């Protein structure tokens, strides 16, 4: 291979490798890879740990909101800090790989203990397996979803921090994190309609 051919080859190779690297780092693909929790398993965990009073539609809404939050989560991003504070805090690393492994572990344990997939177990058997995993690494208090060590705890924390959970807790349309106009500010929140 002549000197000019080698130089051309190296230039083309460098261009090709750069193009491949750039396409692998596309933001949508990174978000999708990060949020790659098994949807069926996540919904089964949701049915096991979220309040049954939500019904199938409410549990689906809660799990979908959790998936959306996880897809948009930016690991090690600058977090809100105290006004005037000099210390900059950062969000935790991406929790999705660990949570995906926990879902896989639930399925493997179900197969070993019951010779069935996690999705085929009764709700009580599913809750028992989740309880076993949580006993190995107790979650402590129900805090922020991004700090949860287990996916079941993260799902519960995310739901209980939602405006829907607050409204259900008070039985009224409190609507935290939403704005009411100042004219309605002194009024009591309207009660939740039946079926909300």
Protein backbone atom coordinates (compact mmCIF):
# COMPACT_ATOMS: atom_id res chain seq x y z
CA UNK A 1 0.00 0.00 0.00
CA UNK A 2 1.50 3.32 -1.06
CA UNK A 3 1.91 6.34 1.18
CA UNK A 4 -1.05 8.17 -0.40
CA UNK A 5 -3.32 5.08 -0.18
CA UNK A 6 -2.49 4.63 3.51
CA UNK A 7 -3.25 8.27 4.25
CA UNK A 8 -6.59 8.05 2.39
CA UNK A 9 -7.47 4.83 4.22
CA UNK A 10 -6.72 6.38 7.62
CA UNK A 11 -8.79 9.50 6.85
CA UNK A 12 -11.77 7.42 5.72
CA UNK A 13 -11.48 5.12 8.75
CA UNK A 14 -11.38 8.06 11.15
CA UNK A 15 -14.45 9.60 9.48
CA UNK A 16 -16.36 6.33 9.64
CA UNK A 17 -15.50 5.74 13.31
CA UNK A 18 -16.50 9.29 14.23
CA UNK A 19 -19.84 8.89 12.44
CA UNK A 20 -20.53 5.60 14.24
CA UNK A 21 -19.61 7.11 17.62
CA UNK A 22 -21.83 10.14 17.06
CA UNK A 23 -24.84 8.09 16.05
CA UNK A 24 -24.42 5.93 19.15
CA UNK A 25 -24.57 9.02 21.35
CA UNK A 26 -27.82 10.44 19.99
CA UNK A 27 -29.86 11.84 22.93
CA UNK A 28 -33.03 9.86 22.09
CA UNK A 29 -31.07 6.60 21.94
CA UNK A 30 -29.33 7.35 25.22
CA UNK A 31 -32.70 8.05 26.89
CA UNK A 32 -34.21 4.86 25.45
CA UNK A 33 -31.23 2.74 26.54
CA UNK A 34 -31.40 4.31 29.99
CA UNK A 35 -35.10 3.61 30.40
CA UNK A 36 -34.93 -0.01 29.29
CA UNK A 37 -36.90 -1.61 32.13
CA UNK A 38 -39.03 -4.57 31.07
CA UNK A 39 -42.49 -2.95 30.70
CA UNK A 40 -44.45 -6.10 31.60
CA UNK A 41 -42.36 -6.75 34.70
CA UNK A 42 -42.57 -3.12 35.76
CA UNK A 43 -46.37 -3.22 35.47
CA UNK A 44 -46.51 -6.45 37.47
CA UNK A 45 -44.43 -4.81 40.21
CA UNK A 46 -46.75 -1.79 40.03
CA UNK A 47 -49.81 -3.99 40.54
CA UNK A 48 -48.05 -5.65 43.50
CA UNK A 49 -46.90 -2.51 45.35
CA UNK A 50 -49.19 0.36 44.38
CA UNK A 51 -52.58 0.81 46.10
CA UNK A 52 -55.23 -1.47 44.61
CA UNK A 53 -57.72 1.43 44.97
CA UNK A 54 -56.07 2.97 41.92
CA UNK A 55 -57.56 0.26 39.73
CA UNK A 56 -56.00 -0.94 36.50
CA UNK A 57 -56.17 2.50 34.82
CA UNK A 58 -54.62 4.31 37.78
CA UNK A 59 -51.78 1.80 38.08
CA UNK A 60 -51.12 2.09 34.35
CA UNK A 61 -51.01 5.90 34.67
CA UNK A 62 -48.59 5.67 37.60
CA UNK A 63 -46.26 3.21 35.84
CA UNK A 64 -46.35 5.22 32.59
CA UNK A 65 -45.51 8.42 34.51
CA UNK A 66 -42.60 6.58 36.19
CA UNK A 67 -41.31 5.36 32.80
CA UNK A 68 -41.54 8.90 31.40
CA UNK A 69 -39.68 10.30 34.41
CA UNK A 70 -36.95 7.67 34.06
CA UNK A 71 -36.59 8.29 30.31
CA UNK A 72 -36.09 12.00 31.00
CA UNK A 73 -33.83 11.52 34.04
CA UNK A 74 -30.41 13.08 33.57
CA UNK A 75 -27.77 11.38 35.71
CA UNK A 76 -25.15 13.47 37.49
CA UNK A 77 -26.86 16.71 36.51
CA UNK A 78 -26.68 19.85 38.60
CA UNK A 79 -29.51 19.72 41.13
CA UNK A 80 -31.43 22.55 42.77
CA UNK A 81 -29.52 24.03 45.67
CA UNK A 82 -30.25 26.47 48.47
CA UNK A 83 -30.53 30.12 47.52
CA UNK A 84 -27.18 31.72 48.13
CA UNK A 85 -25.57 28.34 48.82
CA UNK A 86 -22.10 27.77 47.46
CA UNK A 87 -22.22 23.96 47.36
CA UNK A 88 -23.42 22.51 44.05
CA UNK A 89 -25.18 19.15 44.37
CA UNK A 90 -25.55 16.62 41.57
CA UNK A 91 -28.20 13.99 40.91
CA UNK A 92 -27.28 10.33 41.47
CA UNK A 93 -25.95 8.15 38.63
CA UNK A 94 -28.36 6.40 36.31
CA UNK A 95 -30.43 3.95 38.42
CA UNK A 96 -31.99 2.12 35.43
CA UNK A 97 -29.35 -0.63 34.96
CA UNK A 98 -29.60 -1.69 38.61
CA UNK A 99 -33.39 -1.56 38.54
CA UNK A 100 -33.47 -3.62 35.33
CA UNK A 101 -31.25 -6.22 37.02
CA UNK A 102 -33.65 -6.32 39.99
CA UNK A 103 -36.59 -7.03 37.67
CA UNK A 104 -34.57 -9.85 36.07
CA UNK A 105 -33.71 -11.18 39.54
CA UNK A 106 -37.41 -11.24 40.49
CA UNK A 107 -38.16 -13.30 37.40
CA UNK A 108 -35.23 -15.69 38.03
CA UNK A 109 -36.19 -16.17 41.67
CA UNK A 110 -39.80 -16.83 40.66
CA UNK A 111 -38.64 -19.54 38.26
CA UNK A 112 -36.38 -21.14 40.86
CA UNK A 113 -38.87 -21.04 43.75
CA UNK A 114 -42.14 -21.63 41.89
CA UNK A 115 -41.10 -22.96 38.45
CA UNK A 116 -43.10 -20.11 36.91
CA UNK A 117 -42.23 -16.69 35.57
CA UNK A 118 -42.89 -13.73 37.87
CA UNK A 119 -45.73 -12.64 35.57
CA UNK A 120 -47.48 -16.00 36.09
CA UNK A 121 -47.44 -15.86 39.91
CA UNK A 122 -50.37 -14.82 42.09
CA UNK A 123 -50.27 -11.25 43.43
CA UNK A 124 -49.45 -12.58 46.92
CA UNK A 125 -46.51 -14.64 45.58
CA UNK A 126 -45.27 -11.59 43.68
CA UNK A 127 -45.47 -9.42 46.81
CA UNK A 128 -43.64 -12.13 48.78
CA UNK A 129 -40.73 -12.16 46.29
CA UNK A 130 -40.52 -8.36 46.32
CA UNK A 131 -40.59 -8.40 50.13
CA UNK A 132 -37.69 -10.91 50.13
CA UNK A 133 -35.60 -8.64 47.91
CA UNK A 134 -36.36 -5.62 50.08
CA UNK A 135 -35.38 -7.51 53.25
CA UNK A 136 -31.92 -8.11 51.79
CA UNK A 137 -31.39 -4.36 51.43
CA UNK A 138 -33.99 -2.51 53.55
CA UNK A 139 -35.06 0.72 51.86
CA UNK A 140 -35.31 2.92 54.96
CA UNK A 141 -37.80 5.73 54.48
CA UNK A 142 -39.81 6.36 51.33
CA UNK A 143 -37.92 9.33 49.95
CA UNK A 144 -37.14 10.57 46.48
CA UNK A 145 -37.49 8.07 43.63
CA UNK A 146 -34.02 8.85 42.28
CA UNK A 147 -32.47 7.84 45.62
CA UNK A 148 -34.33 4.51 45.87
CA UNK A 149 -32.14 1.43 45.88
CA UNK A 150 -34.93 -0.87 44.65
CA UNK A 151 -37.22 -0.41 41.67
CA UNK A 152 -40.34 -1.25 43.74
CA UNK A 153 -39.47 1.49 46.23
CA UNK A 154 -38.71 3.93 43.39
CA UNK A 155 -42.10 3.21 41.81
CA UNK A 156 -43.90 3.80 45.12
CA UNK A 157 -41.88 6.94 45.90
CA UNK A 158 -42.60 8.36 42.46
CA UNK A 159 -46.33 7.71 42.80
CA UNK A 160 -46.65 9.04 46.37
CA UNK A 161 -44.87 12.27 45.36
CA UNK A 162 -47.39 12.84 42.55
CA UNK A 163 -50.23 15.36 42.60
CA UNK A 164 -52.69 12.49 42.08
CA UNK A 165 -51.53 10.77 45.28
CA UNK A 166 -51.87 14.02 47.25
CA UNK A 167 -55.38 14.58 45.88
CA UNK A 168 -56.37 11.00 46.83
CA UNK A 169 -54.85 11.39 50.29
CA UNK A 170 -56.96 14.49 51.04
CA UNK A 171 -59.98 13.41 48.98
CA UNK A 172 -59.89 16.81 47.31
CA UNK A 173 -58.51 18.48 44.21
CA UNK A 174 -55.51 19.99 46.00
CA UNK A 175 -53.40 19.95 42.84
CA UNK A 176 -49.93 20.43 44.35
CA UNK A 177 -47.28 21.66 41.92
CA UNK A 178 -50.05 23.31 39.90
CA UNK A 179 -51.15 26.94 40.01
CA UNK A 180 -54.59 28.18 41.00
CA UNK A 181 -55.50 31.74 40.18
CA UNK A 182 -55.30 34.17 43.12
CA UNK A 183 -59.06 34.70 43.16
CA UNK A 184 -59.57 31.02 44.10
CA UNK A 185 -56.64 30.84 46.54
CA UNK A 186 -58.75 31.33 49.73
CA UNK A 187 -61.29 28.66 48.64
CA UNK A 188 -61.12 25.09 49.91
CA UNK A 189 -60.15 22.61 47.20
CA UNK A 190 -63.11 20.92 45.55
CA UNK A 191 -63.76 17.33 46.64
CA UNK A 192 -62.65 14.56 44.32
CA UNK A 193 -65.45 13.19 42.17
CA UNK A 194 -66.29 9.53 42.73
CA UNK A 195 -64.11 7.36 40.52
CA UNK A 196 -61.18 9.85 40.47
